[in-house]
N, C-alpha and C. Protein backbone atom coordinates (compact mmCIF):
# COMPACT_ATOMS: atom_id res chain seq x y z
N MET A 1 -77.94 -32.31 -23.41
CA MET A 1 -77.42 -32.12 -24.18
C MET A 1 -78.62 -31.50 -25.66
N PRO A 2 -77.96 -31.08 -26.88
CA PRO A 2 -79.09 -29.85 -27.72
C PRO A 2 -79.61 -31.82 -28.98
N SER A 3 -80.48 -31.74 -29.01
CA SER A 3 -80.97 -31.94 -30.26
C SER A 3 -80.45 -30.54 -31.75
N LEU A 4 -80.79 -31.79 -33.09
CA LEU A 4 -81.11 -30.35 -34.18
C LEU A 4 -81.20 -29.51 -34.15
N ASN A 5 -83.35 -29.59 -33.47
CA ASN A 5 -83.95 -28.10 -33.55
C ASN A 5 -83.60 -27.34 -32.48
N GLN A 6 -82.53 -27.78 -31.23
CA GLN A 6 -82.17 -27.61 -30.18
C GLN A 6 -80.80 -26.07 -31.04
N LEU A 7 -79.50 -26.89 -31.23
CA LEU A 7 -78.91 -26.01 -32.19
C LEU A 7 -78.89 -25.31 -32.81
N ILE A 8 -80.21 -25.46 -33.84
CA ILE A 8 -80.83 -24.48 -34.93
C ILE A 8 -81.50 -23.48 -34.09
N ALA A 9 -82.21 -23.25 -33.18
CA ALA A 9 -82.93 -22.32 -32.69
C ALA A 9 -81.42 -21.22 -32.51
N VAL A 10 -80.51 -21.74 -31.67
CA VAL A 10 -78.98 -20.80 -31.42
C VAL A 10 -77.98 -20.22 -32.88
N PHE A 11 -78.59 -21.38 -33.41
CA PHE A 11 -77.98 -21.42 -34.88
C PHE A 11 -78.07 -20.77 -36.26
N PRO A 12 -79.09 -20.26 -36.32
CA PRO A 12 -80.05 -20.67 -37.21
C PRO A 12 -79.29 -20.05 -38.41
N ASP A 13 -78.51 -19.65 -38.16
CA ASP A 13 -78.13 -19.51 -40.04
C ASP A 13 -76.67 -20.20 -40.49
N ASN A 14 -76.62 -21.83 -39.32
CA ASN A 14 -75.32 -22.35 -39.99
C ASN A 14 -76.32 -23.32 -41.37
N GLU A 15 -75.21 -23.64 -42.32
CA GLU A 15 -75.38 -23.84 -43.19
C GLU A 15 -75.02 -25.86 -42.80
N SER A 16 -74.76 -26.02 -42.43
CA SER A 16 -74.53 -27.50 -42.54
C SER A 16 -75.92 -27.72 -41.48
N LEU A 17 -76.46 -27.39 -40.31
CA LEU A 17 -77.61 -27.67 -39.70
C LEU A 17 -78.47 -27.55 -40.35
N MET A 18 -78.74 -26.82 -41.53
CA MET A 18 -79.91 -26.56 -42.92
C MET A 18 -79.48 -27.80 -43.33
N LYS A 19 -78.73 -27.65 -44.07
CA LYS A 19 -78.97 -29.40 -44.90
C LYS A 19 -78.91 -30.51 -43.57
N HIS A 20 -79.08 -30.52 -42.72
CA HIS A 20 -79.34 -32.03 -41.85
C HIS A 20 -80.83 -31.69 -41.80
N LYS A 21 -81.61 -30.58 -41.48
CA LYS A 21 -82.82 -29.96 -40.92
C LYS A 21 -83.74 -30.75 -42.96
N LYS A 22 -82.75 -30.57 -43.77
CA LYS A 22 -83.31 -30.82 -45.19
C LYS A 22 -83.64 -32.19 -45.23
N GLN A 23 -82.90 -33.00 -44.59
CA GLN A 23 -82.70 -34.03 -44.64
C GLN A 23 -83.67 -34.76 -44.08
N ILE A 24 -84.70 -34.08 -43.33
CA ILE A 24 -86.24 -34.75 -42.84
C ILE A 24 -86.86 -34.55 -43.65
N TYR A 25 -87.17 -33.31 -44.48
CA TYR A 25 -87.97 -33.47 -45.83
C TYR A 25 -87.94 -34.15 -46.95
N GLU A 26 -86.66 -35.52 -46.70
CA GLU A 26 -86.29 -36.45 -48.02
C GLU A 26 -87.52 -37.39 -47.65
N SER A 27 -87.55 -38.34 -48.95
CA SER A 27 -89.06 -39.27 -48.58
C SER A 27 -87.85 -40.69 -48.18
N TRP A 28 -86.06 -40.54 -47.91
CA TRP A 28 -85.74 -41.53 -48.23
C TRP A 28 -85.27 -41.87 -46.52
N THR A 29 -85.59 -41.04 -46.16
CA THR A 29 -85.16 -40.68 -44.31
C THR A 29 -86.02 -40.67 -43.31
N ASN A 30 -87.34 -40.84 -43.64
CA ASN A 30 -88.66 -40.95 -43.31
C ASN A 30 -88.61 -40.66 -42.25
N GLY A 31 -88.44 -38.73 -42.25
CA GLY A 31 -88.77 -37.93 -41.85
C GLY A 31 -87.73 -37.58 -40.60
N LYS A 32 -85.74 -38.95 -40.82
CA LYS A 32 -85.34 -38.70 -39.79
C LYS A 32 -83.72 -37.87 -40.61
N TYR A 33 -82.83 -37.36 -40.10
CA TYR A 33 -81.73 -37.21 -40.86
C TYR A 33 -80.60 -38.16 -40.18
N TYR A 34 -79.12 -38.28 -40.26
CA TYR A 34 -78.41 -38.52 -40.36
C TYR A 34 -77.07 -37.80 -40.39
N LEU A 35 -77.42 -38.31 -39.46
CA LEU A 35 -76.14 -36.72 -38.06
C LEU A 35 -73.95 -36.96 -38.40
N CYS A 36 -73.42 -36.29 -39.42
CA CYS A 36 -73.08 -36.25 -39.41
C CYS A 36 -72.48 -37.08 -41.21
N GLY A 37 -73.67 -37.78 -41.48
CA GLY A 37 -73.83 -39.21 -42.23
C GLY A 37 -74.45 -40.62 -41.90
N HIS A 38 -73.76 -40.40 -40.29
CA HIS A 38 -72.96 -41.74 -40.08
C HIS A 38 -74.48 -41.99 -39.25
N ILE A 39 -75.31 -41.80 -38.01
CA ILE A 39 -76.14 -41.59 -37.47
C ILE A 39 -77.39 -41.26 -37.44
N LEU A 40 -78.57 -42.30 -37.65
CA LEU A 40 -80.16 -41.57 -37.71
C LEU A 40 -80.90 -41.59 -36.74
N LEU A 41 -80.76 -40.31 -36.60
CA LEU A 41 -82.55 -39.09 -35.15
C LEU A 41 -83.21 -38.44 -35.71
N ASN A 42 -83.90 -38.16 -34.86
CA ASN A 42 -84.96 -37.60 -35.02
C ASN A 42 -84.55 -36.46 -34.96
N GLU A 43 -85.07 -35.38 -35.65
CA GLU A 43 -84.94 -34.33 -35.07
C GLU A 43 -84.50 -33.42 -33.76
N ASP A 44 -85.50 -34.34 -32.52
CA ASP A 44 -85.88 -33.91 -31.38
C ASP A 44 -84.72 -34.37 -30.55
N ASP A 45 -84.02 -35.61 -31.29
CA ASP A 45 -83.99 -36.17 -29.84
C ASP A 45 -81.53 -35.47 -30.24
N ASP A 46 -81.76 -36.01 -28.27
CA ASP A 46 -80.46 -34.84 -27.83
C ASP A 46 -79.50 -35.97 -29.34
N ILE A 47 -78.62 -34.64 -28.85
CA ILE A 47 -77.24 -35.37 -29.76
C ILE A 47 -76.19 -35.50 -28.29
N THR A 48 -75.82 -36.34 -28.07
CA THR A 48 -74.82 -36.68 -27.44
C THR A 48 -73.32 -36.91 -27.39
N ASN A 49 -72.64 -36.89 -26.59
CA ASN A 49 -71.60 -36.85 -26.87
C ASN A 49 -70.64 -38.08 -27.00
N THR A 50 -71.91 -39.08 -26.86
CA THR A 50 -71.65 -41.09 -27.20
C THR A 50 -71.74 -40.45 -29.06
N HIS A 51 -72.63 -40.19 -29.30
CA HIS A 51 -72.74 -40.21 -30.66
C HIS A 51 -71.85 -39.23 -31.65
N LEU A 52 -70.50 -38.28 -30.78
CA LEU A 52 -70.10 -37.81 -31.60
C LEU A 52 -68.78 -38.31 -31.59
N GLU A 53 -68.38 -39.30 -30.30
CA GLU A 53 -67.73 -40.83 -29.94
C GLU A 53 -67.63 -41.69 -31.33
N MET A 54 -68.88 -41.75 -31.58
CA MET A 54 -69.16 -43.06 -32.84
C MET A 54 -68.47 -42.07 -33.52
N ILE A 55 -69.12 -40.94 -34.13
CA ILE A 55 -68.61 -40.91 -35.61
C ILE A 55 -67.41 -40.31 -36.18
N HIS A 56 -66.90 -39.75 -34.20
CA HIS A 56 -64.95 -39.43 -34.22
C HIS A 56 -64.76 -40.58 -35.05
N GLU A 57 -64.86 -41.90 -34.02
CA GLU A 57 -64.56 -43.94 -34.45
C GLU A 57 -64.60 -43.22 -35.70
N LYS A 58 -65.72 -43.69 -35.80
CA LYS A 58 -65.65 -44.12 -37.89
C LYS A 58 -65.16 -43.18 -38.45
N ASN A 59 -65.32 -42.47 -38.34
CA ASN A 59 -64.74 -41.30 -39.36
C ASN A 59 -62.73 -41.75 -39.10
N ASN A 60 -62.06 -42.28 -38.18
CA ASN A 60 -61.25 -42.49 -37.61
C ASN A 60 -60.73 -43.75 -38.43
N ASN A 61 -61.79 -44.58 -38.81
CA ASN A 61 -61.40 -46.28 -39.19
C ASN A 61 -61.81 -46.25 -41.05
N ALA A 62 -62.55 -45.68 -41.26
CA ALA A 62 -62.59 -45.25 -42.90
C ALA A 62 -61.76 -44.94 -43.71
N TYR A 63 -61.93 -45.65 -44.41
CA TYR A 63 -60.82 -46.05 -45.35
C TYR A 63 -61.65 -45.56 -46.80
N ALA A 64 -61.14 -45.29 -47.90
CA ALA A 64 -61.68 -44.98 -48.80
C ALA A 64 -61.08 -45.91 -49.94
N CYS A 65 -61.63 -46.81 -51.10
CA CYS A 65 -61.14 -47.52 -52.32
C CYS A 65 -60.79 -46.59 -53.47
N ASN A 66 -62.11 -45.43 -53.12
CA ASN A 66 -62.15 -44.31 -54.94
C ASN A 66 -61.98 -43.59 -54.27
N THR A 67 -62.14 -41.99 -55.30
CA THR A 67 -62.21 -40.93 -55.15
C THR A 67 -63.67 -40.38 -54.64
N TRP A 68 -64.71 -41.25 -54.65
CA TRP A 68 -65.90 -40.92 -54.18
C TRP A 68 -66.58 -40.84 -52.96
N GLU A 69 -65.20 -42.58 -52.49
CA GLU A 69 -65.78 -42.80 -50.86
C GLU A 69 -64.84 -41.84 -50.46
N ASN A 70 -63.32 -41.62 -50.96
CA ASN A 70 -63.17 -40.28 -49.96
C ASN A 70 -63.85 -39.09 -49.76
N GLU A 71 -64.21 -39.08 -50.97
CA GLU A 71 -64.79 -37.70 -50.59
C GLU A 71 -65.76 -38.08 -49.49
N SER A 72 -66.54 -38.64 -49.18
CA SER A 72 -68.09 -38.98 -48.50
C SER A 72 -67.06 -38.88 -47.06
N ILE A 73 -65.92 -39.62 -46.93
CA ILE A 73 -65.08 -39.85 -45.81
C ILE A 73 -64.80 -37.65 -45.54
N ASN A 74 -64.42 -37.20 -45.97
CA ASN A 74 -63.88 -36.17 -45.76
C ASN A 74 -65.45 -34.96 -45.54
N ARG A 75 -66.86 -35.26 -46.07
CA ARG A 75 -67.34 -34.90 -46.19
C ARG A 75 -67.95 -34.60 -44.84
N SER A 76 -68.41 -36.48 -43.97
CA SER A 76 -68.22 -36.66 -42.49
C SER A 76 -67.70 -36.39 -41.85
N ARG A 77 -65.99 -36.19 -42.11
CA ARG A 77 -65.24 -35.45 -40.82
C ARG A 77 -65.40 -33.96 -40.74
N ASN A 78 -65.90 -33.43 -42.13
CA ASN A 78 -66.08 -32.29 -41.90
C ASN A 78 -67.20 -31.57 -40.53
N GLU A 79 -68.08 -31.91 -41.60
CA GLU A 79 -69.57 -32.03 -40.89
C GLU A 79 -69.31 -32.72 -39.50
N TYR A 80 -68.61 -33.69 -39.30
CA TYR A 80 -67.98 -33.46 -37.42
C TYR A 80 -67.62 -32.74 -36.60
N ASN A 81 -66.92 -32.12 -37.43
CA ASN A 81 -65.23 -31.38 -36.82
C ASN A 81 -66.46 -29.60 -36.84
N GLU A 82 -67.56 -29.18 -37.42
CA GLU A 82 -68.66 -28.78 -37.26
C GLU A 82 -69.06 -28.88 -36.27
N PHE A 83 -70.06 -29.30 -36.45
CA PHE A 83 -71.54 -30.41 -35.22
C PHE A 83 -70.13 -30.40 -33.85
N ASN A 84 -68.67 -30.76 -33.67
CA ASN A 84 -68.31 -30.48 -32.43
C ASN A 84 -67.79 -29.21 -32.29
N LYS A 85 -67.78 -28.29 -33.06
CA LYS A 85 -67.40 -26.94 -32.59
C LYS A 85 -68.91 -26.47 -31.94
N LEU A 86 -70.06 -26.35 -33.19
CA LEU A 86 -70.96 -26.42 -32.79
C LEU A 86 -71.62 -26.92 -30.56
N TYR A 87 -71.58 -27.74 -30.90
CA TYR A 87 -71.38 -28.77 -29.61
C TYR A 87 -71.28 -27.78 -28.54
N ALA A 88 -69.96 -27.48 -28.33
CA ALA A 88 -69.11 -27.57 -27.99
C ALA A 88 -69.14 -26.03 -27.16
N ASP A 89 -69.72 -24.82 -28.52
CA ASP A 89 -70.03 -23.52 -27.83
C ASP A 89 -71.37 -22.60 -27.27
N TYR A 90 -72.79 -24.07 -28.13
CA TYR A 90 -73.96 -24.43 -27.18
C TYR A 90 -73.78 -24.69 -26.33
N LYS A 91 -72.64 -25.51 -25.49
CA LYS A 91 -72.71 -26.14 -23.86
C LYS A 91 -72.22 -24.48 -22.83
N LYS A 92 -71.30 -24.32 -23.57
CA LYS A 92 -70.32 -22.91 -23.23
C LYS A 92 -71.95 -21.66 -24.08
N MET A 93 -72.72 -21.71 -23.68
CA MET A 93 -73.76 -20.70 -23.79
C MET A 93 -75.04 -21.15 -23.09
N ASN A 94 -75.26 -22.54 -22.63
CA ASN A 94 -76.82 -23.38 -21.79
C ASN A 94 -75.76 -24.05 -20.44
C-alpha cells in the first residue's frame, strides 16, 4: 500500500497530493496530514483500502447544516475521488 510520499514520487505534479504534503508543515498538524480531511496520518504511513473505505463511509453519511459545511463535505468527496483514482493507478503500475 502506498504512502503519501510514495504517491508523490509517482505523481509529483498532482495538486491534491501536494496540498496534503504541505499540511505536514502547518503547526497545527504536528507533522502529519489529514487524508481527505478525515484520517490523521504520517507522510510515510501506508494509505490502505480500509482508510479509503472509512473516508467513503464518512462522506456518504455526512450531512451539511449550512453552506460552509456543504463545501467542506464536497471538498472531502472530491479529494476522496481523486485519491481513489490515484490509488488505483498506482496499484496498476506496481
